[in-house]
Amino acid sequence: MMYGFFAVYYREFLILKRRFPKMMASMSVSPLLYLIAFGYAMGKAVTIHGHT
């Protein structure tokens, strides 16, 4: 009975191992766009001790 569990777990691990780089790339696009957009837009408007 436990052999079936390990077989399914191992199969899911292999699938995740293959898909992980694509998943990380797609998950990091949105935060990067957010940081770039707000950093660029807000950077021009924020003044700290006379510096922009």
PDB file of N, CA and C in Angstrom:
ATOM      1  N   MET A   1       0.829  -1.191   0.000  1.00  0.00           N
ATOM      2  CA  MET A   1       0.000   0.000   0.000  1.00  0.00           C
ATOM      3  C   MET A   1       0.873   1.254   0.000  1.00  0.00           C
ATOM      4  N   MET A   2       1.923   1.282   0.755  1.00  0.00           N
ATOM      5  CA  MET A   2       2.783   2.457   0.807  1.00  0.00           C
ATOM      6  C   MET A   2       3.584   2.627  -0.476  1.00  0.00           C
ATOM      7  N   TYR A   3       3.785   1.535  -1.228  1.00  0.00           N
ATOM      8  CA  TYR A   3       4.530   1.661  -2.471  1.00  0.00           C
ATOM      9  C   TYR A   3       3.771   2.529  -3.465  1.00  0.00           C
ATOM     10  N   GLY A   4       2.466   2.436  -3.469  1.00  0.00           N
ATOM     11  CA  GLY A   4       1.651   3.282  -4.333  1.00  0.00           C
ATOM     12  C   GLY A   4       1.775   4.746  -3.955  1.00  0.00           C
ATOM     13  N   PHE A   5       1.816   5.013  -2.669  1.00  0.00           N
ATOM     14  CA  PHE A   5       1.979   6.381  -2.183  1.00  0.00           C
ATOM     15  C   PHE A   5       3.304   6.960  -2.656  1.00  0.00           C
ATOM     16  N   PHE A   6       4.362   6.193  -2.489  1.00  0.00           N
ATOM     17  CA  PHE A   6       5.678   6.682  -2.898  1.00  0.00           C
ATOM     18  C   PHE A   6       5.774   6.850  -4.406  1.00  0.00           C
ATOM     19  N   ALA A   7       5.112   5.986  -5.153  1.00  0.00           N
ATOM     20  CA  ALA A   7       5.126   6.104  -6.612  1.00  0.00           C
ATOM     21  C   ALA A   7       4.438   7.392  -7.051  1.00  0.00           C
ATOM     22  N   VAL A   8       3.304   7.696  -6.462  1.00  0.00           N
ATOM     23  CA  VAL A   8       2.584   8.923  -6.804  1.00  0.00           C
ATOM     24  C   VAL A   8       3.378  10.141  -6.357  1.00  0.00           C
ATOM     25  N   TYR A   9       3.942  10.090  -5.171  1.00  0.00           N
ATOM     26  CA  TYR A   9       4.743  11.195  -4.656  1.00  0.00           C
ATOM     27  C   TYR A   9       5.955  11.445  -5.546  1.00  0.00           C
ATOM     28  N   TYR A  10       6.615  10.379  -5.959  1.00  0.00           N
ATOM     29  CA  TYR A  10       7.793  10.500  -6.823  1.00  0.00           C
ATOM     30  C   TYR A  10       7.410  11.071  -8.187  1.00  0.00           C
ATOM     31  N   ARG A  11       6.279  10.632  -8.728  1.00  0.00           N
ATOM     32  CA  ARG A  11       5.809  11.159 -10.016  1.00  0.00           C
ATOM     33  C   ARG A  11       5.521  12.651  -9.915  1.00  0.00           C
ATOM     34  N   GLU A  12       4.851  13.074  -8.857  1.00  0.00           N
ATOM     35  CA  GLU A  12       4.565  14.493  -8.666  1.00  0.00           C
ATOM     36  C   GLU A  12       5.849  15.296  -8.477  1.00  0.00           C
ATOM     37  N   PHE A  13       6.825  14.727  -7.789  1.00  0.00           N
ATOM     38  CA  PHE A  13       8.107  15.390  -7.616  1.00  0.00           C
ATOM     39  C   PHE A  13       8.796  15.591  -8.961  1.00  0.00           C
ATOM     40  N   LEU A  14       8.767  14.585  -9.821  1.00  0.00           N
ATOM     41  CA  LEU A  14       9.399  14.707 -11.136  1.00  0.00           C
ATOM     42  C   LEU A  14       8.697  15.753 -11.999  1.00  0.00           C
ATOM     43  N   ILE A  15       7.389  15.812 -11.920  1.00  0.00           N
ATOM     44  CA  ILE A  15       6.637  16.818 -12.675  1.00  0.00           C
ATOM     45  C   ILE A  15       6.983  18.212 -12.169  1.00  0.00           C
ATOM     46  N   LEU A  16       7.020  18.394 -10.857  1.00  0.00           N
ATOM     47  CA  LEU A  16       7.360  19.695 -10.281  1.00  0.00           C
ATOM     48  C   LEU A  16       8.786  20.091 -10.635  1.00  0.00           C
ATOM     49  N   LYS A  17       9.686  19.142 -10.614  1.00  0.00           N
ATOM     50  CA  LYS A  17      11.084  19.412 -10.952  1.00  0.00           C
ATOM     51  C   LYS A  17      11.205  19.931 -12.379  1.00  0.00           C
ATOM     52  N   ARG A  18      10.395  19.399 -13.272  1.00  0.00           N
ATOM     53  CA  ARG A  18      10.432  19.827 -14.666  1.00  0.00           C
ATOM     54  C   ARG A  18       9.757  21.186 -14.853  1.00  0.00           C
ATOM     55  N   ARG A  19       8.700  21.455 -14.128  1.00  0.00           N
ATOM     56  CA  ARG A  19       7.927  22.690 -14.309  1.00  0.00           C
ATOM     57  C   ARG A  19       8.401  23.855 -13.441  1.00  0.00           C
ATOM     58  N   PHE A  20       9.229  23.596 -12.451  1.00  0.00           N
ATOM     59  CA  PHE A  20       9.602  24.607 -11.470  1.00  0.00           C
ATOM     60  C   PHE A  20      10.217  25.865 -12.083  1.00  0.00           C
ATOM     61  N   PRO A  21      11.174  25.773 -13.018  1.00  0.00           N
ATOM     62  CA  PRO A  21      11.739  27.006 -13.587  1.00  0.00           C
ATOM     63  C   PRO A  21      10.694  27.879 -14.283  1.00  0.00           C
ATOM     64  N   LYS A  22       9.786  27.268 -15.019  1.00  0.00           N
ATOM     65  CA  LYS A  22       8.729  28.042 -15.686  1.00  0.00           C
ATOM     66  C   LYS A  22       7.797  28.680 -14.668  1.00  0.00           C
ATOM     67  N   MET A  23       7.479  27.939 -13.613  1.00  0.00           N
ATOM     68  CA  MET A  23       6.594  28.478 -12.588  1.00  0.00           C
ATOM     69  C   MET A  23       7.234  29.663 -11.881  1.00  0.00           C
ATOM     70  N   MET A  24       8.509  29.558 -11.550  1.00  0.00           N
ATOM     71  CA  MET A  24       9.193  30.659 -10.874  1.00  0.00           C
ATOM     72  C   MET A  24       9.293  31.885 -11.777  1.00  0.00           C
ATOM     73  N   ALA A  25       9.549  31.667 -13.049  1.00  0.00           N
ATOM     74  CA  ALA A  25       9.632  32.793 -13.975  1.00  0.00           C
ATOM     75  C   ALA A  25       8.288  33.498 -14.082  1.00  0.00           C
ATOM     76  N   SER A  26       7.214  32.742 -14.207  1.00  0.00           N
ATOM     77  CA  SER A  26       5.900  33.364 -14.348  1.00  0.00           C
ATOM     78  C   SER A  26       5.440  34.027 -13.052  1.00  0.00           C
ATOM     79  N   MET A  27       5.810  33.473 -11.904  1.00  0.00           N
ATOM     80  CA  MET A  27       5.406  34.074 -10.631  1.00  0.00           C
ATOM     81  C   MET A  27       6.195  35.333 -10.304  1.00  0.00           C
ATOM     82  N   SER A  28       7.366  35.500 -10.879  1.00  0.00           N
ATOM     83  CA  SER A  28       8.173  36.674 -10.557  1.00  0.00           C
ATOM     84  C   SER A  28       7.936  37.840 -11.504  1.00  0.00           C
ATOM     85  N   VAL A  29       7.194  37.647 -12.585  1.00  0.00           N
ATOM     86  CA  VAL A  29       6.950  38.731 -13.539  1.00  0.00           C
ATOM     87  C   VAL A  29       6.078  39.822 -12.925  1.00  0.00           C
ATOM     88  N   SER A  30       4.986  39.458 -12.297  1.00  0.00           N
ATOM     89  CA  SER A  30       4.064  40.446 -11.750  1.00  0.00           C
ATOM     90  C   SER A  30       4.704  41.316 -10.665  1.00  0.00           C
ATOM     91  N   PRO A  31       5.386  40.754  -9.680  1.00  0.00           N
ATOM     92  CA  PRO A  31       6.034  41.626  -8.687  1.00  0.00           C
ATOM     93  C   PRO A  31       7.107  42.524  -9.290  1.00  0.00           C
ATOM     94  N   LEU A  32       7.846  42.021 -10.265  1.00  0.00           N
ATOM     95  CA  LEU A  32       8.870  42.850 -10.898  1.00  0.00           C
ATOM     96  C   LEU A  32       8.245  44.015 -11.654  1.00  0.00           C
ATOM     97  N   LEU A  33       7.168  43.756 -12.376  1.00  0.00           N
ATOM     98  CA  LEU A  33       6.485  44.842 -13.078  1.00  0.00           C
ATOM     99  C   LEU A  33       5.937  45.867 -12.092  1.00  0.00           C
ATOM    100  N   TYR A  34       5.388  45.399 -10.989  1.00  0.00           N
ATOM    101  CA  TYR A  34       4.864  46.286  -9.949  1.00  0.00           C
ATOM    102  C   TYR A  34       5.978  47.174  -9.394  1.00  0.00           C
ATOM    103  N   LEU A  35       7.108  46.574  -9.045  1.00  0.00           N
ATOM    104  CA  LEU A  35       8.213  47.348  -8.484  1.00  0.00           C
ATOM    105  C   LEU A  35       8.778  48.339  -9.491  1.00  0.00           C
ATOM    106  N   ILE A  36       8.901  47.925 -10.725  1.00  0.00           N
ATOM    107  CA  ILE A  36       9.431  48.821 -11.755  1.00  0.00           C
ATOM    108  C   ILE A  36       8.467  49.974 -12.002  1.00  0.00           C
ATOM    109  N   ALA A  37       7.179  49.668 -12.145  1.00  0.00           N
ATOM    110  CA  ALA A  37       6.193  50.707 -12.444  1.00  0.00           C
ATOM    111  C   ALA A  37       6.095  51.718 -11.303  1.00  0.00           C
ATOM    112  N   PHE A  38       5.933  51.244 -10.080  1.00  0.00           N
ATOM    113  CA  PHE A  38       5.794  52.171  -8.968  1.00  0.00           C
ATOM    114  C   PHE A  38       7.117  52.828  -8.606  1.00  0.00           C
ATOM    115  N   GLY A  39       8.206  52.136  -8.766  1.00  0.00           N
ATOM    116  CA  GLY A  39       9.501  52.743  -8.488  1.00  0.00           C
ATOM    117  C   GLY A  39       9.809  53.861  -9.457  1.00  0.00           C
ATOM    118  N   TYR A  40       9.493  53.657 -10.706  1.00  0.00           N
ATOM    119  CA  TYR A  40       9.741  54.685 -11.716  1.00  0.00           C
ATOM    120  C   TYR A  40       8.763  55.843 -11.559  1.00  0.00           C
ATOM    121  N   ALA A  41       7.483  55.530 -11.363  1.00  0.00           N
ATOM    122  CA  ALA A  41       6.460  56.572 -11.268  1.00  0.00           C
ATOM    123  C   ALA A  41       6.589  57.368  -9.966  1.00  0.00           C
ATOM    124  N   MET A  42       6.790  56.687  -8.864  1.00  0.00           N
ATOM    125  CA  MET A  42       6.860  57.369  -7.573  1.00  0.00           C
ATOM    126  C   MET A  42       8.222  58.011  -7.347  1.00  0.00           C
ATOM    127  N   GLY A  43       9.242  57.505  -7.980  1.00  0.00           N
ATOM    128  CA  GLY A  43      10.579  58.042  -7.792  1.00  0.00           C
ATOM    129  C   GLY A  43      10.702  59.487  -8.224  1.00  0.00           C
ATOM    130  N   LYS A  44       9.951  59.885  -9.218  1.00  0.00           N
ATOM    131  CA  LYS A  44       9.980  61.268  -9.703  1.00  0.00           C
ATOM    132  C   LYS A  44       9.239  62.212  -8.760  1.00  0.00           C
ATOM    133  N   ALA A  45       8.238  61.705  -8.049  1.00  0.00           N
ATOM    134  CA  ALA A  45       7.392  62.560  -7.223  1.00  0.00           C
ATOM    135  C   ALA A  45       7.856  62.660  -5.772  1.00  0.00           C
ATOM    136  N   VAL A  46       8.699  61.766  -5.320  1.00  0.00           N
ATOM    137  CA  VAL A  46       9.105  61.735  -3.917  1.00  0.00           C
ATOM    138  C   VAL A  46      10.375  62.550  -3.727  1.00  0.00           C
ATOM    139  N   THR A  47      10.348  63.438  -2.741  1.00  0.00           N
ATOM    140  CA  THR A  47      11.515  64.249  -2.415  1.00  0.00           C
ATOM    141  C   THR A  47      11.939  63.957  -0.980  1.00  0.00           C
ATOM    142  N   ILE A  48      13.211  63.638  -0.785  1.00  0.00           N
ATOM    143  CA  ILE A  48      13.748  63.364   0.543  1.00  0.00           C
ATOM    144  C   ILE A  48      14.926  64.297   0.773  1.00  0.00           C
ATOM    145  N   HIS A  49      14.776  65.215   1.719  1.00  0.00           N
ATOM    146  CA  HIS A  49      15.824  66.187   2.063  1.00  0.00           C
ATOM    147  C   HIS A  49      16.311  66.956   0.830  1.00  0.00           C
ATOM    148  N   GLY A  50      15.383  67.348  -0.020  1.00  0.00           N
ATOM    149  CA  GLY A  50      15.728  68.148  -1.186  1.00  0.00           C
ATOM    150  C   GLY A  50      16.219  67.359  -2.383  1.00  0.00           C
ATOM    151  N   HIS A  51      16.325  66.055  -2.273  1.00  0.00           N
ATOM    152  CA  HIS A  51      16.762  65.217  -3.393  1.00  0.00           C
ATOM    153  C   HIS A  51      15.581  64.422  -3.929  1.00  0.00           C
ATOM    154  N   THR A  52      15.560  64.223  -5.239  1.00  0.00           N
ATOM    155  CA  THR A  52      14.495  63.403  -5.820  1.00  0.00           C
ATOM    156  C   THR A  52      14.985  62.016  -6.098  1.00  0.00           C
TER     157      THR A  52
END
